[in-house]
PDB file of N, CA and C in Angstrom:
ATOM      1  N   UNK A   1       0.822  -1.192   0.000  1.00  0.00           N
ATOM      2  CA  UNK A   1       0.000   0.000   0.000  1.00  0.00           C
ATOM      3  C   UNK A   1       0.866   1.255   0.000  1.00  0.00           C
ATOM      4  N   UNK A   2       1.848   1.308   0.866  1.00  0.00           N
ATOM      5  CA  UNK A   2       2.718   2.456   0.954  1.00  0.00           C
ATOM      6  C   UNK A   2       3.545   2.609  -0.327  1.00  0.00           C
ATOM      7  N   UNK A   3       3.984   1.488  -0.881  1.00  0.00           N
ATOM      8  CA  UNK A   3       4.763   1.501  -2.127  1.00  0.00           C
ATOM      9  C   UNK A   3       3.907   2.002  -3.294  1.00  0.00           C
ATOM     10  N   UNK A   4       2.641   1.657  -3.277  1.00  0.00           N
ATOM     11  CA  UNK A   4       1.712   2.089  -4.332  1.00  0.00           C
ATOM     12  C   UNK A   4       1.541   3.610  -4.300  1.00  0.00           C
ATOM     13  N   UNK A   5       1.400   4.185  -3.130  1.00  0.00           N
ATOM     14  CA  UNK A   5       1.277   5.635  -2.996  1.00  0.00           C
ATOM     15  C   UNK A   5       2.560   6.330  -3.457  1.00  0.00           C
ATOM     16  N   UNK A   6       3.672   5.731  -3.115  1.00  0.00           N
ATOM     17  CA  UNK A   6       4.956   6.299  -3.501  1.00  0.00           C
ATOM     18  C   UNK A   6       5.089   6.350  -5.015  1.00  0.00           C
ATOM     19  N   UNK A   7       4.702   5.277  -5.710  1.00  0.00           N
ATOM     20  CA  UNK A   7       4.772   5.239  -7.169  1.00  0.00           C
ATOM     21  C   UNK A   7       3.859   6.289  -7.787  1.00  0.00           C
ATOM     22  N   UNK A   8       2.654   6.444  -7.236  1.00  0.00           N
ATOM     23  CA  UNK A   8       1.714   7.452  -7.756  1.00  0.00           C
ATOM     24  C   UNK A   8       2.257   8.854  -7.570  1.00  0.00           C
ATOM     25  N   UNK A   9       2.885   9.091  -6.420  1.00  0.00           N
ATOM     26  CA  UNK A   9       3.471  10.407  -6.180  1.00  0.00           C
ATOM     27  C   UNK A   9       4.640  10.687  -7.129  1.00  0.00           C
ATOM     28  N   UNK A  10       5.420   9.672  -7.412  1.00  0.00           N
ATOM     29  CA  UNK A  10       6.529   9.841  -8.359  1.00  0.00           C
ATOM     30  C   UNK A  10       5.994  10.143  -9.753  1.00  0.00           C
ATOM     31  N   UNK A  11       4.970   9.422 -10.176  1.00  0.00           N
ATOM     32  CA  UNK A  11       4.354   9.673 -11.484  1.00  0.00           C
ATOM     33  C   UNK A  11       3.788  11.088 -11.552  1.00  0.00           C
ATOM     34  N   UNK A  12       3.115  11.501 -10.500  1.00  0.00           N
ATOM     35  CA  UNK A  12       2.548  12.845 -10.450  1.00  0.00           C
ATOM     36  C   UNK A  12       3.655  13.899 -10.497  1.00  0.00           C
ATOM     37  N   UNK A  13       4.719  13.663  -9.783  1.00  0.00           N
ATOM     38  CA  UNK A  13       5.851  14.587  -9.794  1.00  0.00           C
ATOM     39  C   UNK A  13       6.483  14.719 -11.171  1.00  0.00           C
ATOM     40  N   UNK A  14       6.604  13.594 -11.890  1.00  0.00           N
ATOM     41  CA  UNK A  14       7.166  13.626 -13.234  1.00  0.00           C
ATOM     42  C   UNK A  14       6.255  14.396 -14.186  1.00  0.00           C
ATOM     43  N   UNK A  15       4.949  14.204 -14.052  1.00  0.00           N
ATOM     44  CA  UNK A  15       4.003  14.953 -14.897  1.00  0.00           C
ATOM     45  C   UNK A  15       4.086  16.444 -14.609  1.00  0.00           C
ATOM     46  N   UNK A  16       4.185  16.802 -13.346  1.00  0.00           N
ATOM     47  CA  UNK A  16       4.291  18.215 -12.975  1.00  0.00           C
ATOM     48  C   UNK A  16       5.596  18.815 -13.500  1.00  0.00           C
ATOM     49  N   UNK A  17       6.673  18.050 -13.467  1.00  0.00           N
ATOM     50  CA  UNK A  17       7.960  18.521 -13.991  1.00  0.00           C
ATOM     51  C   UNK A  17       7.875  18.762 -15.492  1.00  0.00           C
ATOM     52  N   UNK A  18       7.230  17.847 -16.206  1.00  0.00           N
ATOM     53  CA  UNK A  18       7.053  18.022 -17.653  1.00  0.00           C
ATOM     54  C   UNK A  18       6.217  19.269 -17.960  1.00  0.00           C
ATOM     55  N   UNK A  19       5.160  19.476 -17.193  1.00  0.00           N
ATOM     56  CA  UNK A  19       4.327  20.668 -17.388  1.00  0.00           C
ATOM     57  C   UNK A  19       5.131  21.929 -17.103  1.00  0.00           C
ATOM     58  N   UNK A  20       5.948  21.914 -16.076  1.00  0.00           N
ATOM     59  CA  UNK A  20       6.789  23.061 -15.749  1.00  0.00           C
ATOM     60  C   UNK A  20       7.811  23.355 -16.838  1.00  0.00           C
ATOM     61  N   UNK A  21       8.414  22.313 -17.397  1.00  0.00           N
ATOM     62  CA  UNK A  21       9.374  22.492 -18.488  1.00  0.00           C
ATOM     63  C   UNK A  21       8.701  23.107 -19.707  1.00  0.00           C
ATOM     64  N   UNK A  22       7.503  22.629 -20.008  1.00  0.00           N
ATOM     65  CA  UNK A  22       6.748  23.165 -21.144  1.00  0.00           C
ATOM     66  C   UNK A  22       6.427  24.642 -20.931  1.00  0.00           C
ATOM     67  N   UNK A  23       6.016  25.004 -19.735  1.00  0.00           N
ATOM     68  CA  UNK A  23       5.714  26.403 -19.437  1.00  0.00           C
ATOM     69  C   UNK A  23       6.959  27.264 -19.517  1.00  0.00           C
ATOM     70  N   UNK A  24       8.097  26.735 -19.107  1.00  0.00           N
ATOM     71  CA  UNK A  24       9.359  27.479 -19.176  1.00  0.00           C
ATOM     72  C   UNK A  24       9.721  27.790 -20.619  1.00  0.00           C
ATOM     73  N   UNK A  25       9.591  26.801 -21.496  1.00  0.00           N
ATOM     74  CA  UNK A  25       9.895  27.009 -22.915  1.00  0.00           C
ATOM     75  C   UNK A  25       8.954  28.049 -23.523  1.00  0.00           C
ATOM     76  N   UNK A  26       7.679  27.956 -23.198  1.00  0.00           N
ATOM     77  CA  UNK A  26       6.703  28.916 -23.712  1.00  0.00           C
ATOM     78  C   UNK A  26       7.008  30.316 -23.208  1.00  0.00           C
ATOM     79  N   UNK A  27       7.373  30.441 -21.958  1.00  0.00           N
ATOM     80  CA  UNK A  27       7.722  31.734 -21.388  1.00  0.00           C
ATOM     81  C   UNK A  27       8.944  32.347 -22.052  1.00  0.00           C
ATOM     82  N   UNK A  28       9.937  31.525 -22.357  1.00  0.00           N
ATOM     83  CA  UNK A  28      11.136  32.014 -23.038  1.00  0.00           C
ATOM     84  C   UNK A  28      10.798  32.538 -24.435  1.00  0.00           C
ATOM     85  N   UNK A  29       9.945  31.808 -25.152  1.00  0.00           N
ATOM     86  CA  UNK A  29       9.540  32.244 -26.493  1.00  0.00           C
ATOM     87  C   UNK A  29       8.762  33.555 -26.416  1.00  0.00           C
ATOM     88  N   UNK A  30       7.873  33.673 -25.454  1.00  0.00           N
ATOM     89  CA  UNK A  30       7.102  34.901 -25.301  1.00  0.00           C
ATOM     90  C   UNK A  30       8.001  36.078 -24.953  1.00  0.00           C
ATOM     91  N   UNK A  31       9.026  35.833 -24.171  1.00  0.00           N
ATOM     92  CA  UNK A  31       9.968  36.881 -23.810  1.00  0.00           C
ATOM     93  C   UNK A  31      10.725  37.384 -25.039  1.00  0.00           C
ATOM     94  N   UNK A  32      11.140  36.453 -25.899  1.00  0.00           N
ATOM     95  CA  UNK A  32      11.831  36.853 -27.127  1.00  0.00           C
ATOM     96  C   UNK A  32      10.925  37.684 -28.024  1.00  0.00           C
ATOM     97  N   UNK A  33       9.671  37.273 -28.167  1.00  0.00           N
ATOM     98  CA  UNK A  33       8.715  38.017 -28.993  1.00  0.00           C
ATOM     99  C   UNK A  33       8.484  39.407 -28.402  1.00  0.00           C
ATOM    100  N   UNK A  34       8.355  39.491 -27.098  1.00  0.00           N
ATOM    101  CA  UNK A  34       8.153  40.780 -26.440  1.00  0.00           C
ATOM    102  C   UNK A  34       9.326  41.718 -26.651  1.00  0.00           C
ATOM    103  N   UNK A  35      10.533  41.196 -26.577  1.00  0.00           N
ATOM    104  CA  UNK A  35      11.720  42.012 -26.814  1.00  0.00           C
ATOM    105  C   UNK A  35      11.783  42.536 -28.241  1.00  0.00           C
ATOM    106  N   UNK A  36      11.456  41.671 -29.185  1.00  0.00           N
ATOM    107  CA  UNK A  36      11.468  42.096 -30.585  1.00  0.00           C
ATOM    108  C   UNK A  36      10.394  43.139 -30.862  1.00  0.00           C
ATOM    109  N   UNK A  37       9.227  42.961 -30.282  1.00  0.00           N
ATOM    110  CA  UNK A  37       8.168  43.948 -30.485  1.00  0.00           C
ATOM    111  C   UNK A  37       8.527  45.292 -29.850  1.00  0.00           C
ATOM    112  N   UNK A  38       9.174  45.253 -28.714  1.00  0.00           N
ATOM    113  CA  UNK A  38       9.598  46.497 -28.068  1.00  0.00           C
ATOM    114  C   UNK A  38      10.568  47.260 -28.966  1.00  0.00           C
ATOM    115  N   UNK A  39      11.545  46.555 -29.509  1.00  0.00           N
ATOM    116  CA  UNK A  39      12.494  47.194 -30.416  1.00  0.00           C
ATOM    117  C   UNK A  39      11.786  47.663 -31.688  1.00  0.00           C
ATOM    118  N   UNK A  40      10.905  46.820 -32.206  1.00  0.00           N
ATOM    119  CA  UNK A  40      10.205  47.144 -33.448  1.00  0.00           C
ATOM    120  C   UNK A  40       9.304  48.350 -33.337  1.00  0.00           C
ATOM    121  N   UNK A  41       8.840  48.670 -32.157  1.00  0.00           N
ATOM    122  CA  UNK A  41       7.970  49.827 -31.987  1.00  0.00           C
ATOM    123  C   UNK A  41       8.771  51.044 -31.512  1.00  0.00           C
ATOM    124  N   UNK A  42       9.731  50.847 -30.642  1.00  0.00           N
ATOM    125  CA  UNK A  42      10.500  51.962 -30.084  1.00  0.00           C
ATOM    126  C   UNK A  42      11.423  52.607 -31.117  1.00  0.00           C
ATOM    127  N   UNK A  43      12.121  51.817 -31.900  1.00  0.00           N
ATOM    128  CA  UNK A  43      13.073  52.353 -32.871  1.00  0.00           C
ATOM    129  C   UNK A  43      12.385  53.261 -33.896  1.00  0.00           C
ATOM    130  N   UNK A  44      11.258  52.860 -34.500  1.00  0.00           N
ATOM    131  CA  UNK A  44      10.605  53.778 -35.442  1.00  0.00           C
ATOM    132  C   UNK A  44      10.172  55.103 -34.805  1.00  0.00           C
ATOM    133  N   UNK A  45       9.700  55.044 -33.578  1.00  0.00           N
ATOM    134  CA  UNK A  45       9.281  56.286 -32.904  1.00  0.00           C
ATOM    135  C   UNK A  45      10.484  57.198 -32.686  1.00  0.00           C
ATOM    136  N   UNK A  46      11.590  56.643 -32.199  1.00  0.00           N
ATOM    137  CA  UNK A  46      12.786  57.451 -31.958  1.00  0.00           C
ATOM    138  C   UNK A  46      13.366  58.006 -33.259  1.00  0.00           C
ATOM    139  N   UNK A  47      13.387  57.168 -34.292  1.00  0.00           N
ATOM    140  CA  UNK A  47      13.901  57.647 -35.573  1.00  0.00           C
ATOM    141  C   UNK A  47      13.040  58.778 -36.118  1.00  0.00           C
ATOM    142  N   UNK A  48      11.732  58.678 -35.950  1.00  0.00           N
ATOM    143  CA  UNK A  48      10.839  59.742 -36.407  1.00  0.00           C
ATOM    144  C   UNK A  48      11.103  61.029 -35.627  1.00  0.00           C
ATOM    145  N   UNK A  49      11.306  60.922 -34.332  1.00  0.00           N
ATOM    146  CA  UNK A  49      11.568  62.113 -33.526  1.00  0.00           C
ATOM    147  C   UNK A  49      12.870  62.799 -33.925  1.00  0.00           C
ATOM    148  N   UNK A  50      13.910  62.013 -34.193  1.00  0.00           N
ATOM    149  CA  UNK A  50      15.214  62.599 -34.473  1.00  0.00           C
ATOM    150  C   UNK A  50      15.436  62.940 -35.948  1.00  0.00           C
ATOM    151  N   UNK A  51      14.841  62.154 -36.860  1.00  0.00           N
ATOM    152  CA  UNK A  51      15.125  62.347 -38.286  1.00  0.00           C
ATOM    153  C   UNK A  51      13.927  62.824 -39.098  1.00  0.00           C
ATOM    154  N   UNK A  52      12.761  62.856 -38.506  1.00  0.00           N
ATOM    155  CA  UNK A  52      11.566  63.296 -39.235  1.00  0.00           C
ATOM    156  C   UNK A  52      11.049  62.227 -40.170  1.00  0.00           C
ATOM    157  N   UNK A  53      10.576  62.655 -41.343  1.00  0.00           N
ATOM    158  CA  UNK A  53       9.960  61.739 -42.303  1.00  0.00           C
ATOM    159  C   UNK A  53      10.930  60.640 -42.768  1.00  0.00           C
ATOM    160  N   UNK A  54      12.185  60.955 -43.089  1.00  0.00           N
ATOM    161  CA  UNK A  54      13.093  59.849 -43.453  1.00  0.00           C
ATOM    162  C   UNK A  54      13.236  58.825 -42.320  1.00  0.00           C
ATOM    163  N   UNK A  55      13.250  59.307 -41.085  1.00  0.00           N
ATOM    164  CA  UNK A  55      13.319  58.396 -39.944  1.00  0.00           C
ATOM    165  C   UNK A  55      12.090  57.523 -39.836  1.00  0.00           C
ATOM    166  N   UNK A  56      10.933  58.108 -40.172  1.00  0.00           N
ATOM    167  CA  UNK A  56       9.688  57.331 -40.163  1.00  0.00           C
ATOM    168  C   UNK A  56       9.747  56.213 -41.199  1.00  0.00           C
ATOM    169  N   UNK A  57      10.244  56.532 -42.373  1.00  0.00           N
ATOM    170  CA  UNK A  57      10.342  55.524 -43.436  1.00  0.00           C
ATOM    171  C   UNK A  57      11.312  54.418 -43.025  1.00  0.00           C
ATOM    172  N   UNK A  58      12.469  54.803 -42.502  1.00  0.00           N
ATOM    173  CA  UNK A  58      13.435  53.798 -42.027  1.00  0.00           C
ATOM    174  C   UNK A  58      12.827  52.986 -40.885  1.00  0.00           C
ATOM    175  N   UNK A  59      12.089  53.662 -39.989  1.00  0.00           N
ATOM    176  CA  UNK A  59      11.441  52.982 -38.874  1.00  0.00           C
ATOM    177  C   UNK A  59      10.408  51.965 -39.319  1.00  0.00           C
ATOM    178  N   UNK A  60       9.659  52.300 -40.366  1.00  0.00           N
ATOM    179  CA  UNK A  60       8.670  51.353 -40.895  1.00  0.00           C
ATOM    180  C   UNK A  60       9.373  50.119 -41.446  1.00  0.00           C
ATOM    181  N   UNK A  61      10.495  50.337 -42.122  1.00  0.00           N
ATOM    182  CA  UNK A  61      11.272  49.203 -42.646  1.00  0.00           C
ATOM    183  C   UNK A  61      11.775  48.333 -41.497  1.00  0.00           C
ATOM    184  N   UNK A  62      12.259  48.973 -40.430  1.00  0.00           N
ATOM    185  CA  UNK A  62      12.725  48.230 -39.250  1.00  0.00           C
ATOM    186  C   UNK A  62      11.572  47.440 -38.640  1.00  0.00           C
ATOM    187  N   UNK A  63      10.399  48.064 -38.536  1.00  0.00           N
ATOM    188  CA  UNK A  63       9.236  47.393 -37.962  1.00  0.00           C
ATOM    189  C   UNK A  63       8.833  46.180 -38.793  1.00  0.00           C
ATOM    190  N   UNK A  64       8.824  46.333 -40.112  1.00  0.00           N
ATOM    191  CA  UNK A  64       8.472  45.205 -40.987  1.00  0.00           C
ATOM    192  C   UNK A  64       9.504  44.085 -40.835  1.00  0.00           C
ATOM    193  N   UNK A  65      10.779  44.462 -40.750  1.00  0.00           N
ATOM    194  CA  UNK A  65      11.821  43.454 -40.532  1.00  0.00           C
ATOM    195  C   UNK A  65      11.651  42.722 -39.216  1.00  0.00           C
ATOM    196  N   UNK A  66      11.254  43.462 -38.180  1.00  0.00           N
ATOM    197  CA  UNK A  66      11.021  42.843 -36.873  1.00  0.00           C
ATOM    198  C   UNK A  66       9.859  41.870 -36.937  1.00  0.00           C
ATOM    199  N   UNK A  67       8.785  42.269 -37.599  1.00  0.00           N
ATOM    200  CA  UNK A  67       7.645  41.359 -37.743  1.00  0.00           C
ATOM    201  C   UNK A  67       8.043  40.115 -38.522  1.00  0.00           C
ATOM    202  N   UNK A  68       8.883  40.294 -39.544  1.00  0.00           N
ATOM    203  CA  UNK A  68       9.358  39.145 -40.321  1.00  0.00           C
ATOM    204  C   UNK A  68      10.180  38.186 -39.486  1.00  0.00           C
ATOM    205  N   UNK A  69      10.986  38.731 -38.568  1.00  0.00           N
ATOM    206  CA  UNK A  69      11.809  37.846 -37.738  1.00  0.00           C
ATOM    207  C   UNK A  69      10.962  37.118 -36.701  1.00  0.00           C
ATOM    208  N   UNK A  70       9.856  37.730 -36.291  1.00  0.00           N
ATOM    209  CA  UNK A  70       8.962  37.057 -35.335  1.00  0.00           C
ATOM    210  C   UNK A  70       8.226  35.920 -36.031  1.00  0.00           C
ATOM    211  N   UNK A  71       7.735  36.189 -37.252  1.00  0.00           N
ATOM    212  CA  UNK A  71       6.934  35.199 -37.960  1.00  0.00           C
ATOM    213  C   UNK A  71       7.799  34.253 -38.789  1.00  0.00           C
ATOM    214  N   UNK A  72       9.110  34.460 -38.793  1.00  0.00           N
ATOM    215  CA  UNK A  72      10.021  33.677 -39.620  1.00  0.00           C
ATOM    216  C   UNK A  72      10.162  32.235 -39.144  1.00  0.00           C
ATOM    217  N   UNK A  73      11.203  31.578 -39.613  1.00  0.00           N
ATOM    218  CA  UNK A  73      11.425  30.180 -39.250  1.00  0.00           C
ATOM    219  C   UNK A  73      11.570  30.003 -37.744  1.00  0.00           C
ATOM    220  N   UNK A  74      11.040  28.938 -37.256  1.00  0.00           N
ATOM    221  CA  UNK A  74      11.082  28.653 -35.812  1.00  0.00           C
ATOM    222  C   UNK A  74      12.458  28.159 -35.424  1.00  0.00           C
ATOM    223  N   UNK A  75      12.925  28.618 -34.257  1.00  0.00           N
ATOM    224  CA  UNK A  75      14.208  28.168 -33.716  1.00  0.00           C
ATOM    225  C   UNK A  75      13.956  26.972 -32.804  1.00  0.00           C
ATOM    226  N   UNK A  76      14.739  25.945 -33.000  1.00  0.00           N
ATOM    227  CA  UNK A  76      14.626  24.771 -32.137  1.00  0.00           C
ATOM    228  C   UNK A  76      15.514  24.973 -30.931  1.00  0.00           C
ATOM    229  N   UNK A  77      14.963  24.709 -29.743  1.00  0.00           N
ATOM    230  CA  UNK A  77      15.730  24.861 -28.496  1.00  0.00           C
ATOM    231  C   UNK A  77      16.376  23.560 -28.095  1.00  0.00           C
TER     232      UNK A  77
END
């Protein structure tokens, strides 16, 4: 009886560890996307403030490039 409970607890612990690992990977991916979006939005605004219309055009190109890198090929961890 005691051995049976121990096995169930070990199985439950392994499942919880797998779920935690999955959440960690998802969190890392979300962090990368958040960083890219921050750069993709901040750089065009700053370029527009400092360079005017040419900065806006360059900023739009940077933003499109950032979106492309987010939606691009998936990186395997």
